[in-house]
Amino acid sequence: MKKLFFASVLALGSLTAVAATTTMIQDDIKVEVNTSEFKEISASDLPEAVVKALETDFAGATINKAYVNEENQYKLEVTGQDGTDGTLYADAEGNWLEM
């Protein structure tokens, strides 16, 4: 019974750590995005690769706000051509990071 209780406590403890950082796998590369440490930047400061990826994959979308973190990952708050708002994450090479 003690082992079952201990295993349950460990499982719950590990779940709280997952909530703080999101881990993603993209092309067999482990990517972690810490969403709490983004600093706002001007949309004109975005890398050209990120802007081109947005134009290619989300034609007609407008960037409302842009943010960057220490790992040069970008958070974009955008409005789609159909008027819906959303948040996108990308690396400096214009690859989309899923959250």
PDB file of N, CA and C in Angstrom:
ATOM      1  N   MET A   1       0.824  -1.194   0.000  1.00  0.00           N
ATOM      2  CA  MET A   1       0.000   0.000   0.000  1.00  0.00           C
ATOM      3  C   MET A   1       0.865   1.254   0.000  1.00  0.00           C
ATOM      4  N   LYS A   2       1.981   1.193   0.767  1.00  0.00           N
ATOM      5  CA  LYS A   2       2.870   2.349   0.797  1.00  0.00           C
ATOM      6  C   LYS A   2       3.482   2.607  -0.579  1.00  0.00           C
ATOM      7  N   LYS A   3       3.803   1.539  -1.293  1.00  0.00           N
ATOM      8  CA  LYS A   3       4.384   1.690  -2.632  1.00  0.00           C
ATOM      9  C   LYS A   3       3.392   2.339  -3.590  1.00  0.00           C
ATOM     10  N   LEU A   4       2.135   1.947  -3.506  1.00  0.00           N
ATOM     11  CA  LEU A   4       1.103   2.530  -4.356  1.00  0.00           C
ATOM     12  C   LEU A   4       0.938   4.019  -4.067  1.00  0.00           C
ATOM     13  N   PHE A   5       0.905   4.379  -2.790  1.00  0.00           N
ATOM     14  CA  PHE A   5       0.792   5.780  -2.407  1.00  0.00           C
ATOM     15  C   PHE A   5       2.004   6.568  -2.902  1.00  0.00           C
ATOM     16  N   PHE A   6       3.206   6.024  -2.714  1.00  0.00           N
ATOM     17  CA  PHE A   6       4.432   6.701  -3.150  1.00  0.00           C
ATOM     18  C   PHE A   6       4.442   6.890  -4.664  1.00  0.00           C
ATOM     19  N   ALA A   7       4.023   5.868  -5.404  1.00  0.00           N
ATOM     20  CA  ALA A   7       3.972   5.968  -6.869  1.00  0.00           C
ATOM     21  C   ALA A   7       2.973   7.040  -7.302  1.00  0.00           C
ATOM     22  N   SER A   8       1.842   7.134  -6.602  1.00  0.00           N
ATOM     23  CA  SER A   8       0.840   8.154  -6.937  1.00  0.00           C
ATOM     24  C   SER A   8       1.379   9.560  -6.695  1.00  0.00           C
ATOM     25  N   VAL A   9       2.099   9.742  -5.591  1.00  0.00           N
ATOM     26  CA  VAL A   9       2.675  11.051  -5.288  1.00  0.00           C
ATOM     27  C   VAL A   9       3.706  11.434  -6.338  1.00  0.00           C
ATOM     28  N   LEU A  10       4.544  10.489  -6.744  1.00  0.00           N
ATOM     29  CA  LEU A  10       5.538  10.776  -7.786  1.00  0.00           C
ATOM     30  C   LEU A  10       4.874  11.135  -9.103  1.00  0.00           C
ATOM     31  N   ALA A  11       3.820  10.438  -9.458  1.00  0.00           N
ATOM     32  CA  ALA A  11       3.116  10.721 -10.710  1.00  0.00           C
ATOM     33  C   ALA A  11       2.514  12.122 -10.694  1.00  0.00           C
ATOM     34  N   LEU A  12       1.887  12.503  -9.591  1.00  0.00           N
ATOM     35  CA  LEU A  12       1.310  13.845  -9.496  1.00  0.00           C
ATOM     36  C   LEU A  12       2.382  14.921  -9.517  1.00  0.00           C
ATOM     37  N   GLY A  13       3.506  14.661  -8.870  1.00  0.00           N
ATOM     38  CA  GLY A  13       4.605  15.627  -8.867  1.00  0.00           C
ATOM     39  C   GLY A  13       5.175  15.845 -10.245  1.00  0.00           C
ATOM     40  N   SER A  14       5.259  14.804 -11.043  1.00  0.00           N
ATOM     41  CA  SER A  14       5.804  14.955 -12.391  1.00  0.00           C
ATOM     42  C   SER A  14       4.839  15.706 -13.292  1.00  0.00           C
ATOM     43  N   LEU A  15       3.547  15.606 -13.049  1.00  0.00           N
ATOM     44  CA  LEU A  15       2.573  16.333 -13.863  1.00  0.00           C
ATOM     45  C   LEU A  15       2.677  17.838 -13.655  1.00  0.00           C
ATOM     46  N   THR A  16       2.998  18.295 -12.464  1.00  0.00           N
ATOM     47  CA  THR A  16       3.122  19.730 -12.238  1.00  0.00           C
ATOM     48  C   THR A  16       4.335  20.286 -12.954  1.00  0.00           C
ATOM     49  N   ALA A  17       5.388  19.508 -13.100  1.00  0.00           N
ATOM     50  CA  ALA A  17       6.571  19.970 -13.829  1.00  0.00           C
ATOM     51  C   ALA A  17       6.260  20.110 -15.311  1.00  0.00           C
ATOM     52  N   VAL A  18       5.398  19.261 -15.846  1.00  0.00           N
ATOM     53  CA  VAL A  18       5.035  19.320 -17.258  1.00  0.00           C
ATOM     54  C   VAL A  18       4.258  20.598 -17.548  1.00  0.00           C
ATOM     55  N   ALA A  19       3.485  21.092 -16.622  1.00  0.00           N
ATOM     56  CA  ALA A  19       2.684  22.294 -16.843  1.00  0.00           C
ATOM     57  C   ALA A  19       3.555  23.535 -16.996  1.00  0.00           C
ATOM     58  N   ALA A  20       4.740  23.550 -16.419  1.00  0.00           N
ATOM     59  CA  ALA A  20       5.599  24.728 -16.465  1.00  0.00           C
ATOM     60  C   ALA A  20       6.314  24.862 -17.802  1.00  0.00           C
ATOM     61  N   THR A  21       6.653  23.774 -18.448  1.00  0.00           N
ATOM     62  CA  THR A  21       7.400  23.805 -19.700  1.00  0.00           C
ATOM     63  C   THR A  21       6.752  22.860 -20.695  1.00  0.00           C
ATOM     64  N   THR A  22       6.599  23.304 -21.901  1.00  0.00           N
ATOM     65  CA  THR A  22       6.039  22.461 -22.940  1.00  0.00           C
ATOM     66  C   THR A  22       7.175  21.862 -23.746  1.00  0.00           C
ATOM     67  N   THR A  23       7.160  20.553 -23.923  1.00  0.00           N
ATOM     68  CA  THR A  23       8.186  19.873 -24.691  1.00  0.00           C
ATOM     69  C   THR A  23       7.566  19.391 -25.991  1.00  0.00           C
ATOM     70  N   MET A  24       8.255  19.632 -27.090  1.00  0.00           N
ATOM     71  CA  MET A  24       7.747  19.221 -28.381  1.00  0.00           C
ATOM     72  C   MET A  24       8.830  18.480 -29.134  1.00  0.00           C
ATOM     73  N   ILE A  25       8.424  17.601 -30.027  1.00  0.00           N
ATOM     74  CA  ILE A  25       9.369  16.904 -30.881  1.00  0.00           C
ATOM     75  C   ILE A  25       9.040  17.285 -32.310  1.00  0.00           C
ATOM     76  N   GLN A  26      10.025  17.829 -33.001  1.00  0.00           N
ATOM     77  CA  GLN A  26       9.838  18.246 -34.379  1.00  0.00           C
ATOM     78  C   GLN A  26      11.028  17.730 -35.162  1.00  0.00           C
ATOM     79  N   ASP A  27      10.759  16.875 -36.155  1.00  0.00           N
ATOM     80  CA  ASP A  27      11.823  16.293 -36.966  1.00  0.00           C
ATOM     81  C   ASP A  27      12.895  15.641 -36.105  1.00  0.00           C
ATOM     82  N   ASP A  28      12.472  14.854 -35.134  1.00  0.00           N
ATOM     83  CA  ASP A  28      13.375  14.144 -34.230  1.00  0.00           C
ATOM     84  C   ASP A  28      14.253  15.054 -33.403  1.00  0.00           C
ATOM     85  N   ILE A  29      13.897  16.316 -33.254  1.00  0.00           N
ATOM     86  CA  ILE A  29      14.629  17.256 -32.420  1.00  0.00           C
ATOM     87  C   ILE A  29      13.714  17.659 -31.271  1.00  0.00           C
ATOM     88  N   LYS A  30      14.207  17.508 -30.059  1.00  0.00           N
ATOM     89  CA  LYS A  30      13.412  17.877 -28.899  1.00  0.00           C
ATOM     90  C   LYS A  30      13.485  19.386 -28.720  1.00  0.00           C
ATOM     91  N   VAL A  31      12.325  20.041 -28.684  1.00  0.00           N
ATOM     92  CA  VAL A  31      12.249  21.483 -28.562  1.00  0.00           C
ATOM     93  C   VAL A  31      11.417  21.826 -27.336  1.00  0.00           C
ATOM     94  N   GLU A  32      11.962  22.642 -26.445  1.00  0.00           N
ATOM     95  CA  GLU A  32      11.211  23.088 -25.284  1.00  0.00           C
ATOM     96  C   GLU A  32      10.935  24.577 -25.415  1.00  0.00           C
ATOM     97  N   VAL A  33       9.699  24.952 -25.171  1.00  0.00           N
ATOM     98  CA  VAL A  33       9.306  26.345 -25.237  1.00  0.00           C
ATOM     99  C   VAL A  33       8.784  26.745 -23.865  1.00  0.00           C
ATOM    100  N   ASN A  34       9.445  27.691 -23.233  1.00  0.00           N
ATOM    101  CA  ASN A  34       8.991  28.199 -21.952  1.00  0.00           C
ATOM    102  C   ASN A  34       8.195  29.463 -22.236  1.00  0.00           C
ATOM    103  N   THR A  35       6.892  29.333 -22.200  1.00  0.00           N
ATOM    104  CA  THR A  35       6.020  30.430 -22.634  1.00  0.00           C
ATOM    105  C   THR A  35       5.972  31.598 -21.663  1.00  0.00           C
ATOM    106  N   SER A  36       6.518  31.457 -20.472  1.00  0.00           N
ATOM    107  CA  SER A  36       6.434  32.549 -19.504  1.00  0.00           C
ATOM    108  C   SER A  36       7.561  33.566 -19.652  1.00  0.00           C
ATOM    109  N   GLU A  37       8.547  33.327 -20.511  1.00  0.00           N
ATOM    110  CA  GLU A  37       9.705  34.206 -20.587  1.00  0.00           C
ATOM    111  C   GLU A  37       9.855  34.926 -21.925  1.00  0.00           C
ATOM    112  N   PHE A  38       8.763  35.228 -22.581  1.00  0.00           N
ATOM    113  CA  PHE A  38       8.812  35.965 -23.834  1.00  0.00           C
ATOM    114  C   PHE A  38       8.798  37.467 -23.552  1.00  0.00           C
ATOM    115  N   LYS A  39       9.605  38.223 -24.324  1.00  0.00           N
ATOM    116  CA  LYS A  39       9.600  39.684 -24.227  1.00  0.00           C
ATOM    117  C   LYS A  39       9.066  40.241 -25.540  1.00  0.00           C
ATOM    118  N   GLU A  40       8.232  41.270 -25.427  1.00  0.00           N
ATOM    119  CA  GLU A  40       7.621  41.855 -26.620  1.00  0.00           C
ATOM    120  C   GLU A  40       8.663  42.575 -27.466  1.00  0.00           C
ATOM    121  N   ILE A  41       8.537  42.401 -28.788  1.00  0.00           N
ATOM    122  CA  ILE A  41       9.386  43.087 -29.757  1.00  0.00           C
ATOM    123  C   ILE A  41       8.490  43.667 -30.846  1.00  0.00           C
ATOM    124  N   SER A  42       9.064  44.506 -31.667  1.00  0.00           N
ATOM    125  CA  SER A  42       8.336  45.053 -32.801  1.00  0.00           C
ATOM    126  C   SER A  42       8.255  43.990 -33.895  1.00  0.00           C
ATOM    127  N   ALA A  43       7.165  43.977 -34.636  1.00  0.00           N
ATOM    128  CA  ALA A  43       7.019  43.020 -35.731  1.00  0.00           C
ATOM    129  C   ALA A  43       8.120  43.214 -36.772  1.00  0.00           C
ATOM    130  N   SER A  44       8.638  44.423 -36.893  1.00  0.00           N
ATOM    131  CA  SER A  44       9.715  44.678 -37.855  1.00  0.00           C
ATOM    132  C   SER A  44      11.037  44.040 -37.419  1.00  0.00           C
ATOM    133  N   ASP A  45      11.136  43.617 -36.143  1.00  0.00           N
ATOM    134  CA  ASP A  45      12.344  42.963 -35.648  1.00  0.00           C
ATOM    135  C   ASP A  45      12.325  41.448 -35.843  1.00  0.00           C
ATOM    136  N   LEU A  46      11.246  40.905 -36.396  1.00  0.00           N
ATOM    137  CA  LEU A  46      11.168  39.469 -36.642  1.00  0.00           C
ATOM    138  C   LEU A  46      12.135  39.062 -37.750  1.00  0.00           C
ATOM    139  N   PRO A  47      12.729  37.870 -37.649  1.00  0.00           N
ATOM    140  CA  PRO A  47      13.578  37.388 -38.738  1.00  0.00           C
ATOM    141  C   PRO A  47      12.768  37.231 -40.021  1.00  0.00           C
ATOM    142  N   GLU A  48      13.422  37.440 -41.141  1.00  0.00           N
ATOM    143  CA  GLU A  48      12.755  37.345 -42.431  1.00  0.00           C
ATOM    144  C   GLU A  48      12.145  35.958 -42.637  1.00  0.00           C
ATOM    145  N   ALA A  49      12.811  34.915 -42.128  1.00  0.00           N
ATOM    146  CA  ALA A  49      12.305  33.547 -42.288  1.00  0.00           C
ATOM    147  C   ALA A  49      10.955  33.367 -41.597  1.00  0.00           C
ATOM    148  N   VAL A  50      10.763  33.998 -40.451  1.00  0.00           N
ATOM    149  CA  VAL A  50       9.495  33.897 -39.728  1.00  0.00           C
ATOM    150  C   VAL A  50       8.395  34.630 -40.499  1.00  0.00           C
ATOM    151  N   VAL A  51       8.714  35.798 -41.011  1.00  0.00           N
ATOM    152  CA  VAL A  51       7.729  36.580 -41.777  1.00  0.00           C
ATOM    153  C   VAL A  51       7.328  35.821 -43.047  1.00  0.00           C
ATOM    154  N   LYS A  52       8.300  35.238 -43.744  1.00  0.00           N
ATOM    155  CA  LYS A  52       8.000  34.478 -44.963  1.00  0.00           C
ATOM    156  C   LYS A  52       7.163  33.249 -44.656  1.00  0.00           C
ATOM    157  N   ALA A  53       7.454  32.561 -43.543  1.00  0.00           N
ATOM    158  CA  ALA A  53       6.669  31.387 -43.161  1.00  0.00           C
ATOM    159  C   ALA A  53       5.224  31.779 -42.881  1.00  0.00           C
ATOM    160  N   LEU A  54       5.028  32.918 -42.236  1.00  0.00           N
ATOM    161  CA  LEU A  54       3.673  33.393 -41.963  1.00  0.00           C
ATOM    162  C   LEU A  54       2.940  33.698 -43.266  1.00  0.00           C
ATOM    163  N   GLU A  55       3.604  34.396 -44.177  1.00  0.00           N
ATOM    164  CA  GLU A  55       2.988  34.730 -45.462  1.00  0.00           C
ATOM    165  C   GLU A  55       2.657  33.483 -46.275  1.00  0.00           C
ATOM    166  N   THR A  56       3.518  32.474 -46.198  1.00  0.00           N
ATOM    167  CA  THR A  56       3.319  31.243 -46.966  1.00  0.00           C
ATOM    168  C   THR A  56       2.222  30.373 -46.372  1.00  0.00           C
ATOM    169  N   ASP A  57       2.296  30.138 -45.071  1.00  0.00           N
ATOM    170  CA  ASP A  57       1.390  29.186 -44.433  1.00  0.00           C
ATOM    171  C   ASP A  57       0.086  29.805 -43.933  1.00  0.00           C
ATOM    172  N   PHE A  58       0.083  31.102 -43.695  1.00  0.00           N
ATOM    173  CA  PHE A  58      -1.107  31.787 -43.183  1.00  0.00           C
ATOM    174  C   PHE A  58      -1.331  33.069 -43.982  1.00  0.00           C
ATOM    175  N   ALA A  59      -1.537  32.905 -45.264  1.00  0.00           N
ATOM    176  CA  ALA A  59      -1.706  34.044 -46.170  1.00  0.00           C
ATOM    177  C   ALA A  59      -2.818  34.960 -45.677  1.00  0.00           C
ATOM    178  N   GLY A  60      -2.536  36.232 -45.642  1.00  0.00           N
ATOM    179  CA  GLY A  60      -3.522  37.219 -45.224  1.00  0.00           C
ATOM    180  C   GLY A  60      -3.560  37.472 -43.734  1.00  0.00           C
ATOM    181  N   ALA A  61      -2.764  36.743 -42.951  1.00  0.00           N
ATOM    182  CA  ALA A  61      -2.744  36.945 -41.499  1.00  0.00           C
ATOM    183  C   ALA A  61      -1.998  38.231 -41.162  1.00  0.00           C
ATOM    184  N   THR A  62      -2.422  38.882 -40.098  1.00  0.00           N
ATOM    185  CA  THR A  62      -1.812  40.123 -39.637  1.00  0.00           C
ATOM    186  C   THR A  62      -1.198  39.886 -38.259  1.00  0.00           C
ATOM    187  N   ILE A  63       0.027  40.347 -38.076  1.00  0.00           N
ATOM    188  CA  ILE A  63       0.697  40.220 -36.786  1.00  0.00           C
ATOM    189  C   ILE A  63       0.248  41.363 -35.889  1.00  0.00           C
ATOM    190  N   ASN A  64      -0.357  41.033 -34.753  1.00  0.00           N
ATOM    191  CA  ASN A  64      -0.779  42.037 -33.791  1.00  0.00           C
ATOM    192  C   ASN A  64       0.341  42.356 -32.802  1.00  0.00           C
ATOM    193  N   LYS A  65       0.990  41.313 -32.293  1.00  0.00           N
ATOM    194  CA  LYS A  65       2.105  41.468 -31.361  1.00  0.00           C
ATOM    195  C   LYS A  65       3.114  40.361 -31.623  1.00  0.00           C
ATOM    196  N   ALA A  66       4.373  40.646 -31.345  1.00  0.00           N
ATOM    197  CA  ALA A  66       5.436  39.655 -31.504  1.00  0.00           C
ATOM    198  C   ALA A  66       6.287  39.637 -30.244  1.00  0.00           C
ATOM    199  N   TYR A  67       6.761  38.452 -29.900  1.00  0.00           N
ATOM    200  CA  TYR A  67       7.580  38.266 -28.704  1.00  0.00           C
ATOM    201  C   TYR A  67       8.746  37.342 -29.044  1.00  0.00           C
ATOM    202  N   VAL A  68       9.808  37.418 -28.250  1.00  0.00           N
ATOM    203  CA  VAL A  68      10.954  36.523 -28.409  1.00  0.00           C
ATOM    204  C   VAL A  68      11.417  36.080 -27.026  1.00  0.00           C
ATOM    205  N   ASN A  69      11.986  34.862 -26.949  1.00  0.00           N
ATOM    206  CA  ASN A  69      12.568  34.414 -25.686  1.00  0.00           C
ATOM    207  C   ASN A  69      14.077  34.250 -25.870  1.00  0.00           C
ATOM    208  N   GLU A  70      14.774  33.799 -24.836  1.00  0.00           N
ATOM    209  CA  GLU A  70      16.233  33.691 -24.869  1.00  0.00           C
ATOM    210  C   GLU A  70      16.726  32.664 -25.888  1.00  0.00           C
ATOM    211  N   GLU A  71      15.898  31.689 -26.243  1.00  0.00           N
ATOM    212  CA  GLU A  71      16.278  30.661 -27.214  1.00  0.00           C
ATOM    213  C   GLU A  71      15.976  31.082 -28.652  1.00  0.00           C
ATOM    214  N   ASN A  72      15.670  32.353 -28.876  1.00  0.00           N
ATOM    215  CA  ASN A  72      15.288  32.880 -30.189  1.00  0.00           C
ATOM    216  C   ASN A  72      14.094  32.131 -30.773  1.00  0.00           C
ATOM    217  N   GLN A  73      13.123  31.870 -29.926  1.00  0.00           N
ATOM    218  CA  GLN A  73      11.848  31.336 -30.356  1.00  0.00           C
ATOM    219  C   GLN A  73      10.863  32.494 -30.303  1.00  0.00           C
ATOM    220  N   TYR A  74       9.962  32.518 -31.265  1.00  0.00           N
ATOM    221  CA  TYR A  74       9.075  33.668 -31.430  1.00  0.00           C
ATOM    222  C   TYR A  74       7.623  33.280 -31.189  1.00  0.00           C
ATOM    223  N   LYS A  75       6.927  34.156 -30.497  1.00  0.00           N
ATOM    224  CA  LYS A  75       5.491  34.010 -30.246  1.00  0.00           C
ATOM    225  C   LYS A  75       4.812  35.125 -31.030  1.00  0.00           C
ATOM    226  N   LEU A  76       3.862  34.749 -31.852  1.00  0.00           N
ATOM    227  CA  LEU A  76       3.151  35.733 -32.676  1.00  0.00           C
ATOM    228  C   LEU A  76       1.670  35.695 -32.338  1.00  0.00           C
ATOM    229  N   GLU A  77       1.119  36.827 -31.979  1.00  0.00           N
ATOM    230  CA  GLU A  77      -0.322  36.957 -31.828  1.00  0.00           C
ATOM    231  C   GLU A  77      -0.825  37.528 -33.141  1.00  0.00           C
ATOM    232  N   VAL A  78      -1.658  36.753 -33.827  1.00  0.00           N
ATOM    233  CA  VAL A  78      -2.068  37.117 -35.182  1.00  0.00           C
ATOM    234  C   VAL A  78      -3.583  37.120 -35.312  1.00  0.00           C
ATOM    235  N   THR A  79      -4.042  37.822 -36.343  1.00  0.00           N
ATOM    236  CA  THR A  79      -5.440  37.779 -36.752  1.00  0.00           C
ATOM    237  C   THR A  79      -5.462  37.226 -38.161  1.00  0.00           C
ATOM    238  N   GLY A  80      -6.216  36.148 -38.350  1.00  0.00           N
ATOM    239  CA  GLY A  80      -6.309  35.513 -39.655  1.00  0.00           C
ATOM    240  C   GLY A  80      -7.138  36.324 -40.623  1.00  0.00           C
ATOM    241  N   GLN A  81      -7.062  35.930 -41.872  1.00  0.00           N
ATOM    242  CA  GLN A  81      -7.797  36.621 -42.924  1.00  0.00           C
ATOM    243  C   GLN A  81      -9.305  36.579 -42.654  1.00  0.00           C
ATOM    244  N   ASP A  82      -9.758  35.519 -41.968  1.00  0.00           N
ATOM    245  CA  ASP A  82     -11.183  35.398 -41.668  1.00  0.00           C
ATOM    246  C   ASP A  82     -11.589  36.117 -40.379  1.00  0.00           C
ATOM    247  N   GLY A  83     -10.621  36.816 -39.732  1.00  0.00           N
ATOM    248  CA  GLY A  83     -10.916  37.592 -38.533  1.00  0.00           C
ATOM    249  C   GLY A  83     -10.700  36.867 -37.223  1.00  0.00           C
ATOM    250  N   THR A  84     -10.295  35.601 -37.281  1.00  0.00           N
ATOM    251  CA  THR A  84     -10.053  34.864 -36.032  1.00  0.00           C
ATOM    252  C   THR A  84      -8.670  35.198 -35.487  1.00  0.00           C
ATOM    253  N   ASP A  85      -8.576  35.262 -34.162  1.00  0.00           N
ATOM    254  CA  ASP A  85      -7.306  35.534 -33.498  1.00  0.00           C
ATOM    255  C   ASP A  85      -6.664  34.224 -33.076  1.00  0.00           C
ATOM    256  N   GLY A  86      -5.342  34.213 -33.079  1.00  0.00           N
ATOM    257  CA  GLY A  86      -4.627  33.018 -32.661  1.00  0.00           C
ATOM    258  C   GLY A  86      -3.204  33.349 -32.275  1.00  0.00           C
ATOM    259  N   THR A  87      -2.513  32.366 -31.720  1.00  0.00           N
ATOM    260  CA  THR A  87      -1.124  32.507 -31.320  1.00  0.00           C
ATOM    261  C   THR A  87      -0.310  31.435 -32.021  1.00  0.00           C
ATOM    262  N   LEU A  88       0.799  31.837 -32.610  1.00  0.00           N
ATOM    263  CA  LEU A  88       1.700  30.924 -33.300  1.00  0.00           C
ATOM    264  C   LEU A  88       3.080  31.023 -32.675  1.00  0.00           C
ATOM    265  N   TYR A  89       3.817  29.925 -32.707  1.00  0.00           N
ATOM    266  CA  TYR A  89       5.183  29.892 -32.192  1.00  0.00           C
ATOM    267  C   TYR A  89       6.098  29.408 -33.306  1.00  0.00           C
ATOM    268  N   ALA A  90       7.254  30.048 -33.447  1.00  0.00           N
ATOM    269  CA  ALA A  90       8.208  29.686 -34.495  1.00  0.00           C
ATOM    270  C   ALA A  90       9.629  29.822 -33.982  1.00  0.00           C
ATOM    271  N   ASP A  91      10.537  29.093 -34.631  1.00  0.00           N
ATOM    272  CA  ASP A  91      11.952  29.303 -34.319  1.00  0.00           C
ATOM    273  C   ASP A  91      12.512  30.333 -35.302  1.00  0.00           C
ATOM    274  N   ALA A  92      13.773  30.674 -35.165  1.00  0.00           N
ATOM    275  CA  ALA A  92      14.371  31.732 -35.985  1.00  0.00           C
ATOM    276  C   ALA A  92      14.459  31.372 -37.458  1.00  0.00           C
ATOM    277  N   GLU A  93      14.393  30.063 -37.771  1.00  0.00           N
ATOM    278  CA  GLU A  93      14.447  29.614 -39.166  1.00  0.00           C
ATOM    279  C   GLU A  93      13.077  29.570 -39.827  1.00  0.00           C
ATOM    280  N   GLY A  94      12.030  29.946 -39.095  1.00  0.00           N
ATOM    281  CA  GLY A  94      10.681  29.955 -39.659  1.00  0.00           C
ATOM    282  C   GLY A  94       9.952  28.630 -39.548  1.00  0.00           C
ATOM    283  N   ASN A  95      10.457  27.712 -38.716  1.00  0.00           N
ATOM    284  CA  ASN A  95       9.777  26.444 -38.476  1.00  0.00           C
ATOM    285  C   ASN A  95       8.741  26.644 -37.386  1.00  0.00           C
ATOM    286  N   TRP A  96       7.545  26.122 -37.600  1.00  0.00           N
ATOM    287  CA  TRP A  96       6.469  26.285 -36.626  1.00  0.00           C
ATOM    288  C   TRP A  96       6.667  25.326 -35.469  1.00  0.00           C
ATOM    289  N   LEU A  97       6.458  25.817 -34.271  1.00  0.00           N
ATOM    290  CA  LEU A  97       6.540  25.031 -33.052  1.00  0.00           C
ATOM    291  C   LEU A  97       5.118  24.847 -32.543  1.00  0.00           C
ATOM    292  N   GLU A  98       4.726  23.637 -32.279  1.00  0.00           N
ATOM    293  CA  GLU A  98       3.362  23.388 -31.827  1.00  0.00           C
ATOM    294  C   GLU A  98       3.285  23.454 -30.312  1.00  0.00           C
ATOM    295  N   MET A  99       2.202  24.030 -29.825  1.00  0.00           N
ATOM    296  CA  MET A  99       1.992  24.138 -28.374  1.00  0.00           C
ATOM    297  C   MET A  99       0.862  23.271 -27.948  1.00  0.00           C
TER     298      MET A  99
END
